[in-house]
Amino acid sequence: MFQRETDAAGDIVINEADIENLKRSKGAIYSATSILVKHLGLDFSSVYKIFIARFGTYLDIEKAIKIGLLPDLERNKFVFIGNSFSGGG
């Protein structure tokens, strides 16, 4: 994207390494959620809510589903919760 189309101080440049990182991250997130759901003996259609925290609050749900980052579920099942850190420990 070009600076005139964003609030950024300069042009936004995406290179091949960025795309590779996105692909790995996408695969890891989707795989982890898929394994968790299957381990519980469920499938995505039986999930009531998916809570999206922290940096995920910047996600565009439609685009995240389109690239395979998130499962294609009813959009009202996705809930943004901001910072989910409880500070325990």
Protein backbone atom coordinates (compact mmCIF):
# COMPACT_ATOMS: atom_id res chain seq x y z
CA MET A 1 0.00 0.00 0.00
CA PHE A 2 1.11 3.49 -0.60
CA GLN A 3 1.51 6.15 2.06
CA ARG A 4 -1.30 8.22 0.58
CA GLU A 5 -3.68 5.26 1.15
CA THR A 6 -2.74 4.67 4.81
CA ASP A 7 -1.95 6.50 8.01
CA ALA A 8 1.61 5.12 7.88
CA ALA A 9 4.60 7.44 7.66
CA GLY A 10 5.77 5.68 4.49
CA ASP A 11 4.87 3.03 1.95
CA ILE A 12 4.00 -0.41 3.33
CA VAL A 13 6.20 -3.00 1.65
CA ILE A 14 5.59 -6.75 1.82
CA ASN A 15 8.41 -9.00 0.70
CA GLU A 16 8.74 -12.74 0.13
CA ALA A 17 9.94 -13.36 3.70
CA ASP A 18 6.82 -11.61 5.04
CA ILE A 19 4.61 -13.87 2.94
CA GLU A 20 6.46 -16.98 4.11
CA ASN A 21 6.08 -15.89 7.73
CA LEU A 22 2.37 -15.30 7.22
CA LYS A 23 1.97 -18.76 5.67
CA ARG A 24 3.78 -20.45 8.57
CA SER A 25 1.85 -18.49 11.18
CA LYS A 26 -1.46 -19.17 9.47
CA GLY A 27 -0.71 -22.88 9.29
CA ALA A 28 0.37 -23.02 12.93
CA ILE A 29 -2.69 -21.19 14.23
CA TYR A 30 -5.17 -23.18 12.17
CA SER A 31 -3.43 -26.50 12.96
CA ALA A 32 -3.32 -25.79 16.68
CA THR A 33 -7.01 -24.90 16.84
CA SER A 34 -7.95 -27.87 14.67
CA ILE A 35 -5.96 -30.30 16.85
CA LEU A 36 -7.47 -28.84 20.03
CA VAL A 37 -11.02 -29.15 18.72
CA LYS A 38 -10.44 -32.73 17.51
CA HIS A 39 -8.77 -33.69 20.81
CA LEU A 40 -11.96 -32.61 22.58
CA GLY A 41 -13.99 -34.82 20.23
CA LEU A 42 -15.61 -31.85 18.52
CA ASP A 43 -15.57 -30.16 15.16
CA PHE A 44 -15.56 -26.46 14.39
CA SER A 45 -19.30 -26.35 13.80
CA SER A 46 -19.89 -27.30 17.46
CA VAL A 47 -17.70 -24.48 18.80
CA TYR A 48 -19.84 -21.87 20.54
CA LYS A 49 -17.39 -18.95 20.56
CA ILE A 50 -13.84 -18.23 19.45
CA PHE A 51 -12.21 -15.54 21.55
CA ILE A 52 -9.59 -13.46 19.76
CA ALA A 53 -7.16 -11.63 22.01
CA ARG A 54 -4.47 -8.98 21.87
CA PHE A 55 -3.01 -8.43 18.38
CA GLY A 56 -5.81 -10.50 16.92
CA THR A 57 -8.13 -7.59 17.55
CA TYR A 58 -6.68 -6.02 14.41
CA LEU A 59 -7.84 -8.95 12.28
CA ASP A 60 -10.42 -8.55 9.59
CA ILE A 61 -12.50 -11.71 10.18
CA GLU A 62 -13.57 -12.03 6.54
CA LYS A 63 -10.00 -11.79 5.27
CA ALA A 64 -8.68 -14.13 7.99
CA ILE A 65 -11.24 -16.75 6.95
CA LYS A 66 -10.50 -16.21 3.28
CA ILE A 67 -6.78 -16.98 3.71
CA GLY A 68 -7.48 -19.96 5.98
CA LEU A 69 -6.29 -18.43 9.25
CA LEU A 70 -9.68 -18.92 10.91
CA PRO A 71 -12.39 -21.52 10.28
CA ASP A 72 -15.37 -20.49 8.18
CA LEU A 73 -17.96 -20.18 10.96
CA GLU A 74 -20.86 -17.86 11.67
CA ARG A 75 -19.28 -14.47 12.17
CA ASN A 76 -21.02 -13.90 15.51
CA LYS A 77 -18.97 -16.78 16.97
CA PHE A 78 -15.83 -14.61 16.86
CA VAL A 79 -15.42 -12.33 19.88
CA PHE A 80 -12.61 -9.79 20.28
CA ILE A 81 -11.49 -9.54 23.91
CA GLY A 82 -8.43 -7.27 23.84
CA ASN A 83 -5.68 -8.11 26.35
CA SER A 84 -6.46 -11.51 27.93
CA PHE A 85 -3.45 -11.59 30.28
CA SER A 86 -4.55 -12.17 33.87
CA GLY A 87 -1.18 -11.39 35.48
CA GLY A 88 -1.20 -14.58 37.54
CA GLY A 89 1.81 -16.71 38.27
